PDB file of N, CA and C in Angstrom:
ATOM      1  N   MET A   1    -152.092  20.813 106.360  1.00  0.00           N
ATOM      2  CA  MET A   1    -151.792  21.808 107.382  1.00  0.00           C
ATOM      3  C   MET A   1    -152.348  23.151 106.907  1.00  0.00           C
ATOM      4  N   ARG A   2    -153.121  23.800 107.754  1.00  0.00           N
ATOM      5  CA  ARG A   2    -153.587  25.143 107.430  1.00  0.00           C
ATOM      6  C   ARG A   2    -152.381  26.068 107.351  1.00  0.00           C
ATOM      7  N   LYS A   3    -152.407  27.004 106.423  1.00  0.00           N
ATOM      8  CA  LYS A   3    -151.261  27.893 106.211  1.00  0.00           C
ATOM      9  C   LYS A   3    -150.925  28.720 107.441  1.00  0.00           C
ATOM     10  N   THR A   4    -151.945  29.242 108.096  1.00  0.00           N
ATOM     11  CA  THR A   4    -151.682  30.058 109.276  1.00  0.00           C
ATOM     12  C   THR A   4    -151.132  29.212 110.407  1.00  0.00           C
ATOM     13  N   TYR A   5    -151.548  27.952 110.492  1.00  0.00           N
ATOM     14  CA  TYR A   5    -151.031  27.061 111.525  1.00  0.00           C
ATOM     15  C   TYR A   5    -149.536  26.819 111.314  1.00  0.00           C
ATOM     16  N   GLY A   6    -149.139  26.531 110.087  1.00  0.00           N
ATOM     17  CA  GLY A   6    -147.729  26.288 109.791  1.00  0.00           C
ATOM     18  C   GLY A   6    -146.872  27.500 110.080  1.00  0.00           C
ATOM     19  N   SER A   7    -147.366  28.651 109.713  1.00  0.00           N
ATOM     20  CA  SER A   7    -146.644  29.888 109.966  1.00  0.00           C
ATOM     21  C   SER A   7    -146.490  30.132 111.461  1.00  0.00           C
ATOM     22  N   SER A   8    -147.564  29.938 112.191  1.00  0.00           N
ATOM     23  CA  SER A   8    -147.512  30.115 113.643  1.00  0.00           C
ATOM     24  C   SER A   8    -146.611  29.080 114.308  1.00  0.00           C
ATOM     25  N   MET A   9    -146.639  27.865 113.812  1.00  0.00           N
ATOM     26  CA  MET A   9    -145.797  26.810 114.359  1.00  0.00           C
ATOM     27  C   MET A   9    -144.312  27.160 114.156  1.00  0.00           C
ATOM     28  N   LEU A  10    -143.965  27.643 112.979  1.00  0.00           N
ATOM     29  CA  LEU A  10    -142.579  28.043 112.719  1.00  0.00           C
ATOM     30  C   LEU A  10    -142.157  29.185 113.648  1.00  0.00           C
ATOM     31  N   PHE A  11    -143.031  30.133 113.831  1.00  0.00           N
ATOM     32  CA  PHE A  11    -142.751  31.246 114.732  1.00  0.00           C
ATOM     33  C   PHE A  11    -142.460  30.724 116.139  1.00  0.00           C
ATOM     34  N   ARG A  12    -143.328  29.840 116.634  1.00  0.00           N
ATOM     35  CA  ARG A  12    -143.187  29.302 117.994  1.00  0.00           C
ATOM     36  C   ARG A  12    -141.916  28.463 118.154  1.00  0.00           C
ATOM     37  N   LEU A  13    -141.654  27.573 117.196  1.00  0.00           N
ATOM     38  CA  LEU A  13    -140.507  26.675 117.317  1.00  0.00           C
ATOM     39  C   LEU A  13    -139.182  27.418 117.199  1.00  0.00           C
ATOM     40  N   ASP A  14    -139.086  28.374 116.276  1.00  0.00           N
ATOM     41  CA  ASP A  14    -137.862  29.183 116.171  1.00  0.00           C
ATOM     42  C   ASP A  14    -137.612  29.957 117.458  1.00  0.00           C
ATOM     43  N   ASN A  15    -138.680  30.517 118.000  1.00  0.00           N
ATOM     44  CA  ASN A  15    -138.549  31.241 119.265  1.00  0.00           C
ATOM     45  C   ASN A  15    -138.063  30.311 120.368  1.00  0.00           C
ATOM     46  N   ASP A  16    -138.633  29.127 120.450  1.00  0.00           N
ATOM     47  CA  ASP A  16    -138.248  28.180 121.498  1.00  0.00           C
ATOM     48  C   ASP A  16    -136.791  27.757 121.384  1.00  0.00           C
ATOM     49  N   LEU A  17    -136.336  27.492 120.174  1.00  0.00           N
ATOM     50  CA  LEU A  17    -134.938  27.088 120.000  1.00  0.00           C
ATOM     51  C   LEU A  17    -133.974  28.167 120.467  1.00  0.00           C
ATOM     52  N   SER A  18    -134.317  29.399 120.224  1.00  0.00           N
ATOM     53  CA  SER A  18    -133.403  30.502 120.533  1.00  0.00           C
ATOM     54  C   SER A  18    -133.472  30.978 121.970  1.00  0.00           C
ATOM     55  N   THR A  19    -134.620  30.881 122.594  1.00  0.00           N
ATOM     56  CA  THR A  19    -134.789  31.521 123.899  1.00  0.00           C
ATOM     57  C   THR A  19    -135.009  30.554 125.055  1.00  0.00           C
ATOM     58  N   SER A  20    -135.145  29.266 124.775  1.00  0.00           N
ATOM     59  CA  SER A  20    -135.560  28.328 125.823  1.00  0.00           C
ATOM     60  C   SER A  20    -134.580  28.252 126.992  1.00  0.00           C
ATOM     61  N   LYS A  21    -133.283  28.274 126.734  1.00  0.00           N
ATOM     62  CA  LYS A  21    -132.310  28.179 127.834  1.00  0.00           C
ATOM     63  C   LYS A  21    -132.446  29.353 128.793  1.00  0.00           C
ATOM     64  N   PHE A  22    -132.531  30.554 128.234  1.00  0.00           N
ATOM     65  CA  PHE A  22    -132.619  31.753 129.068  1.00  0.00           C
ATOM     66  C   PHE A  22    -133.952  31.819 129.804  1.00  0.00           C
ATOM     67  N   GLU A  23    -135.026  31.471 129.111  1.00  0.00           N
ATOM     68  CA  GLU A  23    -136.340  31.526 129.734  1.00  0.00           C
ATOM     69  C   GLU A  23    -136.501  30.427 130.779  1.00  0.00           C
ATOM     70  N   HIS A  24    -135.881  29.278 130.563  1.00  0.00           N
ATOM     71  CA  HIS A  24    -135.919  28.203 131.559  1.00  0.00           C
ATOM     72  C   HIS A  24    -135.190  28.635 132.833  1.00  0.00           C
ATOM     73  N   GLN A  25    -134.089  29.364 132.668  1.00  0.00           N
ATOM     74  CA  GLN A  25    -133.347  29.873 133.826  1.00  0.00           C
ATOM     75  C   GLN A  25    -134.180  30.882 134.616  1.00  0.00           C
ATOM     76  N   ARG A  26    -135.072  31.589 133.936  1.00  0.00           N
ATOM     77  CA  ARG A  26    -135.937  32.572 134.593  1.00  0.00           C
ATOM     78  C   ARG A  26    -137.219  31.939 135.108  1.00  0.00           C
ATOM     79  N   ASP A  27    -137.324  30.623 135.047  1.00  0.00           N
ATOM     80  CA  ASP A  27    -138.537  29.894 135.457  1.00  0.00           C
ATOM     81  C   ASP A  27    -139.757  30.313 134.646  1.00  0.00           C
ATOM     82  N   ASP A  28    -139.538  30.563 133.374  1.00  0.00           N
ATOM     83  CA  ASP A  28    -140.624  30.888 132.459  1.00  0.00           C
ATOM     84  C   ASP A  28    -141.389  29.605 132.136  1.00  0.00           C
ATOM     85  N   VAL A  29    -142.448  29.712 131.364  1.00  0.00           N
ATOM     86  CA  VAL A  29    -143.258  28.546 131.019  1.00  0.00           C
ATOM     87  C   VAL A  29    -142.449  27.537 130.212  1.00  0.00           C
ATOM     88  N   ALA A  30    -142.884  26.290 130.235  1.00  0.00           N
ATOM     89  CA  ALA A  30    -142.195  25.219 129.501  1.00  0.00           C
ATOM     90  C   ALA A  30    -142.226  25.507 128.001  1.00  0.00           C
ATOM     91  N   LYS A  31    -141.143  25.197 127.357  1.00  0.00           N
ATOM     92  CA  LYS A  31    -141.022  25.369 125.913  1.00  0.00           C
ATOM     93  C   LYS A  31    -141.103  24.001 125.248  1.00  0.00           C
ATOM     94  N   SER A  32    -141.221  23.999 123.940  1.00  0.00           N
ATOM     95  CA  SER A  32    -141.359  22.743 123.205  1.00  0.00           C
ATOM     96  C   SER A  32    -140.190  21.805 123.469  1.00  0.00           C
ATOM     97  N   ILE A  33    -138.995  22.339 123.621  1.00  0.00           N
ATOM     98  CA  ILE A  33    -137.817  21.508 123.877  1.00  0.00           C
ATOM     99  C   ILE A  33    -137.965  20.786 125.213  1.00  0.00           C
ATOM    100  N   HIS A  34    -138.358  21.509 126.233  1.00  0.00           N
ATOM    101  CA  HIS A  34    -138.513  20.900 127.556  1.00  0.00           C
ATOM    102  C   HIS A  34    -139.671  19.900 127.581  1.00  0.00           C
ATOM    103  N   CYS A  35    -140.695  20.159 126.786  1.00  0.00           N
ATOM    104  CA  CYS A  35    -141.789  19.192 126.682  1.00  0.00           C
ATOM    105  C   CYS A  35    -141.287  17.888 126.068  1.00  0.00           C
ATOM    106  N   CYS A  36    -140.445  17.984 125.036  1.00  0.00           N
ATOM    107  CA  CYS A  36    -139.863  16.774 124.430  1.00  0.00           C
ATOM    108  C   CYS A  36    -138.985  16.034 125.430  1.00  0.00           C
ATOM    109  N   VAL A  37    -138.216  16.777 126.193  1.00  0.00           N
ATOM    110  CA  VAL A  37    -137.340  16.161 127.183  1.00  0.00           C
ATOM    111  C   VAL A  37    -138.159  15.387 128.208  1.00  0.00           C
ATOM    112  N   HIS A  38    -139.200  16.016 128.732  1.00  0.00           N
ATOM    113  CA  HIS A  38    -139.970  15.403 129.806  1.00  0.00           C
ATOM    114  C   HIS A  38    -140.966  14.339 129.323  1.00  0.00           C
ATOM    115  N   HIS A  39    -141.661  14.623 128.219  1.00  0.00           N
ATOM    116  CA  HIS A  39    -142.704  13.702 127.764  1.00  0.00           C
ATOM    117  C   HIS A  39    -142.157  12.553 126.927  1.00  0.00           C
ATOM    118  N   GLU A  40    -141.105  12.816 126.162  1.00  0.00           N
ATOM    119  CA  GLU A  40    -140.563  11.779 125.295  1.00  0.00           C
ATOM    120  C   GLU A  40    -139.333  11.112 125.898  1.00  0.00           C
ATOM    121  N   GLY A  41    -138.796  11.683 126.984  1.00  0.00           N
ATOM    122  CA  GLY A  41    -137.615  11.118 127.622  1.00  0.00           C
ATOM    123  C   GLY A  41    -136.345  11.314 126.807  1.00  0.00           C
ATOM    124  N   LEU A  42    -136.285  12.404 126.049  1.00  0.00           N
ATOM    125  CA  LEU A  42    -135.121  12.670 125.198  1.00  0.00           C
ATOM    126  C   LEU A  42    -134.104  13.531 125.926  1.00  0.00           C
ATOM    127  N   ALA A  43    -132.844  13.428 125.510  1.00  0.00           N
ATOM    128  CA  ALA A  43    -131.827  14.355 125.981  1.00  0.00           C
ATOM    129  C   ALA A  43    -132.106  15.706 125.326  1.00  0.00           C
ATOM    130  N   GLU A  44    -131.646  16.795 125.946  1.00  0.00           N
ATOM    131  CA  GLU A  44    -131.943  18.120 125.396  1.00  0.00           C
ATOM    132  C   GLU A  44    -131.411  18.284 123.980  1.00  0.00           C
ATOM    133  N   ALA A  45    -130.213  17.793 123.712  1.00  0.00           N
ATOM    134  CA  ALA A  45    -129.644  17.914 122.362  1.00  0.00           C
ATOM    135  C   ALA A  45    -130.506  17.177 121.334  1.00  0.00           C
ATOM    136  N   THR A  46    -131.000  16.011 121.707  1.00  0.00           N
ATOM    137  CA  THR A  46    -131.871  15.228 120.819  1.00  0.00           C
ATOM    138  C   THR A  46    -133.203  15.935 120.631  1.00  0.00           C
ATOM    139  N   ALA A  47    -133.722  16.521 121.702  1.00  0.00           N
ATOM    140  CA  ALA A  47    -134.978  17.274 121.607  1.00  0.00           C
ATOM    141  C   ALA A  47    -134.812  18.476 120.672  1.00  0.00           C
ATOM    142  N   ARG A  48    -133.679  19.156 120.756  1.00  0.00           N
ATOM    143  CA  ARG A  48    -133.413  20.291 119.853  1.00  0.00           C
ATOM    144  C   ARG A  48    -133.355  19.821 118.394  1.00  0.00           C
ATOM    145  N   GLU A  49    -132.725  18.677 118.155  1.00  0.00           N
ATOM    146  CA  GLU A  49    -132.677  18.122 116.795  1.00  0.00           C
ATOM    147  C   GLU A  49    -134.094  17.799 116.306  1.00  0.00           C
ATOM    148  N   HIS A  50    -134.913  17.266 117.195  1.00  0.00           N
ATOM    149  CA  HIS A  50    -136.300  16.947 116.848  1.00  0.00           C
ATOM    150  C   HIS A  50    -137.068  18.218 116.471  1.00  0.00           C
ATOM    151  N   ILE A  51    -136.872  19.274 117.233  1.00  0.00           N
ATOM    152  CA  ILE A  51    -137.538  20.550 116.926  1.00  0.00           C
ATOM    153  C   ILE A  51    -137.057  21.082 115.579  1.00  0.00           C
ATOM    154  N   GLU A  52    -135.761  20.956 115.306  1.00  0.00           N
ATOM    155  CA  GLU A  52    -135.229  21.375 113.989  1.00  0.00           C
ATOM    156  C   GLU A  52    -135.894  20.584 112.860  1.00  0.00           C
ATOM    157  N   GLU A  53    -136.111  19.286 113.071  1.00  0.00           N
ATOM    158  CA  GLU A  53    -136.801  18.464 112.070  1.00  0.00           C
ATOM    159  C   GLU A  53    -138.241  18.926 111.882  1.00  0.00           C
ATOM    160  N   LEU A  54    -138.903  19.269 112.985  1.00  0.00           N
ATOM    161  CA  LEU A  54    -140.270  19.794 112.879  1.00  0.00           C
ATOM    162  C   LEU A  54    -140.288  21.101 112.080  1.00  0.00           C
ATOM    163  N   ILE A  55    -139.290  21.946 112.311  1.00  0.00           N
ATOM    164  CA  ILE A  55    -139.188  23.203 111.566  1.00  0.00           C
ATOM    165  C   ILE A  55    -139.004  22.914 110.080  1.00  0.00           C
ATOM    166  N   ASP A  56    -138.115  21.991 109.745  1.00  0.00           N
ATOM    167  CA  ASP A  56    -137.912  21.629 108.339  1.00  0.00           C
ATOM    168  C   ASP A  56    -139.197  21.103 107.702  1.00  0.00           C
ATOM    169  N   ASP A  57    -139.919  20.238 108.427  1.00  0.00           N
ATOM    170  CA  ASP A  57    -141.174  19.698 107.915  1.00  0.00           C
ATOM    171  C   ASP A  57    -142.212  20.796 107.696  1.00  0.00           C
ATOM    172  N   CYS A  58    -142.302  21.720 108.640  1.00  0.00           N
ATOM    173  CA  CYS A  58    -143.253  22.833 108.503  1.00  0.00           C
ATOM    174  C   CYS A  58    -142.917  23.680 107.280  1.00  0.00           C
ATOM    175  N   TRP A  59    -141.628  23.957 107.082  1.00  0.00           N
ATOM    176  CA  TRP A  59    -141.215  24.738 105.912  1.00  0.00           C
ATOM    177  C   TRP A  59    -141.589  24.021 104.615  1.00  0.00           C
ATOM    178  N   LYS A  60    -141.365  22.718 104.564  1.00  0.00           N
ATOM    179  CA  LYS A  60    -141.704  21.953 103.359  1.00  0.00           C
ATOM    180  C   LYS A  60    -143.191  22.054 103.056  1.00  0.00           C
ATOM    181  N   LYS A  61    -144.006  21.886 104.086  1.00  0.00           N
ATOM    182  CA  LYS A  61    -145.454  21.960 103.890  1.00  0.00           C
ATOM    183  C   LYS A  61    -145.896  23.366 103.505  1.00  0.00           C
ATOM    184  N   LEU A  62    -145.338  24.360 104.160  1.00  0.00           N
ATOM    185  CA  LEU A  62    -145.722  25.735 103.873  1.00  0.00           C
ATOM    186  C   LEU A  62    -145.267  26.149 102.477  1.00  0.00           C
ATOM    187  N   ASN A  63    -144.053  25.783 102.103  1.00  0.00           N
ATOM    188  CA  ASN A  63    -143.556  26.109 100.764  1.00  0.00           C
ATOM    189  C   ASN A  63    -144.313  25.364  99.682  1.00  0.00           C
ATOM    190  N   GLY A  64    -144.806  24.176  99.987  1.00  0.00           N
ATOM    191  CA  GLY A  64    -145.585  23.411  99.019  1.00  0.00           C
ATOM    192  C   GLY A  64    -146.928  24.041  98.708  1.00  0.00           C
ATOM    193  N   ALA A  65    -147.405  24.896  99.583  1.00  0.00           N
ATOM    194  CA  ALA A  65    -148.720  25.527  99.406  1.00  0.00           C
ATOM    195  C   ALA A  65    -148.608  26.999  99.029  1.00  0.00           C
ATOM    196  N   ARG A  66    -147.495  27.411  98.467  1.00  0.00           N
ATOM    197  CA  ARG A  66    -147.255  28.836  98.209  1.00  0.00           C
ATOM    198  C   ARG A  66    -147.955  29.379  96.974  1.00  0.00           C
ATOM    199  N   ASN A  67    -148.918  28.705  96.442  1.00  0.00           N
ATOM    200  CA  ASN A  67    -149.562  29.168  95.221  1.00  0.00           C
ATOM    201  C   ASN A  67    -150.629  30.227  95.460  1.00  0.00           C
ATOM    202  N   GLU A  68    -150.894  30.556  96.673  1.00  0.00           N
ATOM    203  CA  GLU A  68    -151.897  31.580  96.963  1.00  0.00           C
ATOM    204  C   GLU A  68    -151.243  32.808  97.567  1.00  0.00           C
ATOM    205  N   ARG A  69    -151.844  33.945  97.346  1.00  0.00           N
ATOM    206  CA  ARG A  69    -151.272  35.191  97.852  1.00  0.00           C
ATOM    207  C   ARG A  69    -151.165  35.207  99.375  1.00  0.00           C
ATOM    208  N   PHE A  70    -152.183  34.717 100.054  1.00  0.00           N
ATOM    209  CA  PHE A  70    -152.169  34.710 101.511  1.00  0.00           C
ATOM    210  C   PHE A  70    -151.012  33.873 102.038  1.00  0.00           C
ATOM    211  N   THR A  71    -150.710  32.800 101.350  1.00  0.00           N
ATOM    212  CA  THR A  71    -149.622  31.929 101.779  1.00  0.00           C
ATOM    213  C   THR A  71    -148.304  32.686 101.765  1.00  0.00           C
ATOM    214  N   ALA A  72    -148.104  33.540 100.780  1.00  0.00           N
ATOM    215  CA  ALA A  72    -146.865  34.322 100.720  1.00  0.00           C
ATOM    216  C   ALA A  72    -146.735  35.199 101.968  1.00  0.00           C
ATOM    217  N   VAL A  73    -147.827  35.763 102.420  1.00  0.00           N
ATOM    218  CA  VAL A  73    -147.814  36.553 103.648  1.00  0.00           C
ATOM    219  C   VAL A  73    -147.504  35.658 104.841  1.00  0.00           C
ATOM    220  N   ALA A  74    -148.137  34.487 104.885  1.00  0.00           N
ATOM    221  CA  ALA A  74    -147.907  33.557 105.991  1.00  0.00           C
ATOM    222  C   ALA A  74    -146.464  33.078 106.037  1.00  0.00           C
ATOM    223  N   VAL A  75    -145.826  32.955 104.896  1.00  0.00           N
ATOM    224  CA  VAL A  75    -144.429  32.523 104.841  1.00  0.00           C
ATOM    225  C   VAL A  75    -143.511  33.616 105.376  1.00  0.00           C
ATOM    226  N   ASN A  76    -143.861  34.861 105.188  1.00  0.00           N
ATOM    227  CA  ASN A  76    -142.999  35.957 105.634  1.00  0.00           C
ATOM    228  C   ASN A  76    -142.930  36.091 107.147  1.00  0.00           C
ATOM    229  N   LEU A  77    -143.945  35.661 107.867  1.00  0.00           N
ATOM    230  CA  LEU A  77    -143.901  35.725 109.327  1.00  0.00           C
ATOM    231  C   LEU A  77    -142.757  34.891 109.894  1.00  0.00           C
ATOM    232  N   PRO A  78    -142.636  33.602 109.534  1.00  0.00           N
ATOM    233  CA  PRO A  78    -141.499  32.857 110.075  1.00  0.00           C
ATOM    234  C   PRO A  78    -140.157  33.316 109.526  1.00  0.00           C
ATOM    235  N   ARG A  79    -140.125  33.901 108.343  1.00  0.00           N
ATOM    236  CA  ARG A  79    -138.866  34.462 107.839  1.00  0.00           C
ATOM    237  C   ARG A  79    -138.410  35.610 108.741  1.00  0.00           C
ATOM    238  N   THR A  80    -139.348  36.466 109.096  1.00  0.00           N
ATOM    239  CA  THR A  80    -139.038  37.569 110.000  1.00  0.00           C
ATOM    240  C   THR A  80    -138.617  37.041 111.358  1.00  0.00           C
ATOM    241  N   THR A  81    -139.325  36.029 111.835  1.00  0.00           N
ATOM    242  CA  THR A  81    -138.991  35.413 113.114  1.00  0.00           C
ATOM    243  C   THR A  81    -137.571  34.888 113.100  1.00  0.00           C
ATOM    244  N   ARG A  82    -137.188  34.244 112.008  1.00  0.00           N
ATOM    245  CA  ARG A  82    -135.835  33.691 111.895  1.00  0.00           C
ATOM    246  C   ARG A  82    -134.795  34.804 112.014  1.00  0.00           C
ATOM    247  N   CYS A  83    -135.072  35.944 111.412  1.00  0.00           N
ATOM    248  CA  CYS A  83    -134.147  37.079 111.517  1.00  0.00           C
ATOM    249  C   CYS A  83    -133.992  37.543 112.964  1.00  0.00           C
ATOM    250  N   PHE A  84    -135.076  37.511 113.710  1.00  0.00           N
ATOM    251  CA  PHE A  84    -135.023  37.946 115.104  1.00  0.00           C
ATOM    252  C   PHE A  84    -134.297  36.950 115.997  1.00  0.00           C
ATOM    253  N   TYR A  85    -134.458  35.661 115.712  1.00  0.00           N
ATOM    254  CA  TYR A  85    -133.982  34.650 116.651  1.00  0.00           C
ATOM    255  C   TYR A  85    -132.785  33.831 116.166  1.00  0.00           C
ATOM    256  N   ILE A  86    -132.263  34.092 114.995  1.00  0.00           N
ATOM    257  CA  ILE A  86    -131.173  33.280 114.455  1.00  0.00           C
ATOM    258  C   ILE A  86    -129.897  33.385 115.292  1.00  0.00           C
ATOM    259  N   HIS A  87    -129.665  34.528 115.921  1.00  0.00           N
ATOM    260  CA  HIS A  87    -128.462  34.730 116.730  1.00  0.00           C
ATOM    261  C   HIS A  87    -128.784  34.827 118.218  1.00  0.00           C
ATOM    262  N   GLY A  88    -129.868  34.228 118.662  1.00  0.00           N
ATOM    263  CA  GLY A  88    -130.270  34.311 120.059  1.00  0.00           C
ATOM    264  C   GLY A  88    -131.600  35.023 120.186  1.00  0.00           C
ATOM    265  N   ASP A  89    -131.841  35.627 121.322  1.00  0.00           N
ATOM    266  CA  ASP A  89    -133.119  36.283 121.589  1.00  0.00           C
ATOM    267  C   ASP A  89    -133.083  37.724 121.096  1.00  0.00           C
ATOM    268  N   GLY A  90    -133.346  37.914 119.812  1.00  0.00           N
ATOM    269  CA  GLY A  90    -133.323  39.237 119.211  1.00  0.00           C
ATOM    270  C   GLY A  90    -134.479  40.118 119.619  1.00  0.00           C
ATOM    271  N   PHE A  91    -135.500  39.543 120.194  1.00  0.00           N
ATOM    272  CA  PHE A  91    -136.637  40.334 120.654  1.00  0.00           C
ATOM    273  C   PHE A  91    -136.461  40.721 122.112  1.00  0.00           C
ATOM    274  N   GLY A  92    -136.091  39.766 122.958  1.00  0.00           N
ATOM    275  CA  GLY A  92    -135.916  40.026 124.385  1.00  0.00           C
ATOM    276  C   GLY A  92    -134.625  40.759 124.705  1.00  0.00           C
ATOM    277  N   SER A  93    -133.604  40.575 123.868  1.00  0.00           N
ATOM    278  CA  SER A  93    -132.300  41.240 124.045  1.00  0.00           C
ATOM    279  C   SER A  93    -131.864  41.826 122.707  1.00  0.00           C
ATOM    280  N   PRO A  94    -132.526  42.880 122.256  1.00  0.00           N
ATOM    281  CA  PRO A  94    -132.285  43.383 120.897  1.00  0.00           C
ATOM    282  C   PRO A  94    -131.088  44.308 120.744  1.00  0.00           C
ATOM    283  N   GLU A  95    -130.321  44.507 121.807  1.00  0.00           N
ATOM    284  CA  GLU A  95    -129.303  45.548 121.761  1.00  0.00           C
ATOM    285  C   GLU A  95    -128.192  45.327 120.745  1.00  0.00           C
ATOM    286  N   VAL A  96    -127.977  44.119 120.240  1.00  0.00           N
ATOM    287  CA  VAL A  96    -126.853  43.911 119.332  1.00  0.00           C
ATOM    288  C   VAL A  96    -127.334  43.658 117.908  1.00  0.00           C
ATOM    289  N   GLU A  97    -127.580  42.406 117.563  1.00  0.00           N
ATOM    290  CA  GLU A  97    -127.912  42.025 116.190  1.00  0.00           C
ATOM    291  C   GLU A  97    -129.180  42.717 115.674  1.00  0.00           C
ATOM    292  N   THR A  98    -130.254  42.646 116.438  1.00  0.00           N
ATOM    293  CA  THR A  98    -131.522  43.195 115.973  1.00  0.00           C
ATOM    294  C   THR A  98    -131.429  44.700 115.797  1.00  0.00           C
ATOM    295  N   LYS A  99    -130.837  45.379 116.752  1.00  0.00           N
ATOM    296  CA  LYS A  99    -130.713  46.830 116.658  1.00  0.00           C
ATOM    297  C   LYS A  99    -129.893  47.211 115.430  1.00  0.00           C
ATOM    298  N   ASP A 100    -128.780  46.522 115.197  1.00  0.00           N
ATOM    299  CA  ASP A 100    -127.945  46.819 114.028  1.00  0.00           C
ATOM    300  C   ASP A 100    -128.711  46.611 112.727  1.00  0.00           C
ATOM    301  N   ARG A 101    -129.500  45.561 112.658  1.00  0.00           N
ATOM    302  CA  ARG A 101    -130.277  45.294 111.438  1.00  0.00           C
ATOM    303  C   ARG A 101    -131.342  46.355 111.200  1.00  0.00           C
ATOM    304  N   ILE A 102    -132.037  46.741 112.255  1.00  0.00           N
ATOM    305  CA  ILE A 102    -133.088  47.745 112.107  1.00  0.00           C
ATOM    306  C   ILE A 102    -132.492  49.090 111.714  1.00  0.00           C
ATOM    307  N   VAL A 103    -131.385  49.458 112.343  1.00  0.00           N
ATOM    308  CA  VAL A 103    -130.715  50.712 111.993  1.00  0.00           C
ATOM    309  C   VAL A 103    -130.265  50.687 110.535  1.00  0.00           C
ATOM    310  N   SER A 104    -129.706  49.567 110.087  1.00  0.00           N
ATOM    311  CA  SER A 104    -129.239  49.496 108.699  1.00  0.00           C
ATOM    312  C   SER A 104    -130.400  49.531 107.704  1.00  0.00           C
ATOM    313  N   LEU A 105    -131.560  49.035 108.100  1.00  0.00           N
ATOM    314  CA  LEU A 105    -132.715  49.040 107.204  1.00  0.00           C
ATOM    315  C   LEU A 105    -133.390  50.406 107.095  1.00  0.00           C
ATOM    316  N   PHE A 106    -133.543  51.082 108.231  1.00  0.00           N
ATOM    317  CA  PHE A 106    -134.387  52.270 108.238  1.00  0.00           C
ATOM    318  C   PHE A 106    -133.650  53.598 108.446  1.00  0.00           C
ATOM    319  N   ILE A 107    -132.422  53.568 108.923  1.00  0.00           N
ATOM    320  CA  ILE A 107    -131.755  54.822 109.250  1.00  0.00           C
ATOM    321  C   ILE A 107    -130.545  55.086 108.364  1.00  0.00           C
ATOM    322  N   GLU A 108    -129.676  54.109 108.204  1.00  0.00           N
ATOM    323  CA  GLU A 108    -128.468  54.328 107.415  1.00  0.00           C
ATOM    324  C   GLU A 108    -128.813  54.391 105.931  1.00  0.00           C
ATOM    325  N   PRO A 109    -128.229  55.341 105.214  1.00  0.00           N
ATOM    326  CA  PRO A 109    -128.508  55.443 103.771  1.00  0.00           C
ATOM    327  C   PRO A 109    -127.872  54.273 103.021  1.00  0.00           C
ATOM    328  N   VAL A 110    -128.489  53.941 101.909  1.00  0.00           N
ATOM    329  CA  VAL A 110    -127.957  52.875 101.060  1.00  0.00           C
ATOM    330  C   VAL A 110    -126.743  53.427 100.321  1.00  0.00           C
ATOM    331  N   GLN A 111    -125.653  52.688 100.358  1.00  0.00           N
ATOM    332  CA  GLN A 111    -124.434  53.116  99.676  1.00  0.00           C
ATOM    333  C   GLN A 111    -124.489  52.629  98.225  1.00  0.00           C
ATOM    334  N   ILE A 112    -124.312  53.567  97.310  1.00  0.00           N
ATOM    335  CA  ILE A 112    -124.361  53.219  95.880  1.00  0.00           C
ATOM    336  C   ILE A 112    -122.979  53.311  95.292  1.00  0.00           C
TER     337      ILE A 112
END
């Protein structure tokens, strides 16, 4: 797996897991979960588990290739993505978790 491909795949799959329900309600484009449901005939819960397995596999492959400097950069993209999407759609609805994290990183002083 090319390093940039794995990083991009993690970004896409994490985003899909977190935002697919809301985007499906808005008639947005099909997400990986809905593709699994329709093409593989899986229940949505099973499709979500499958996507989680794909994420785990991508992480294993990406972490296995971390011996190069560029790979370290490629690994940080999905880490950042996870921070945005771990509690829902932190990019599309940033008013709670994402805003608090950004404020704590860049505005609030570090308490010593």
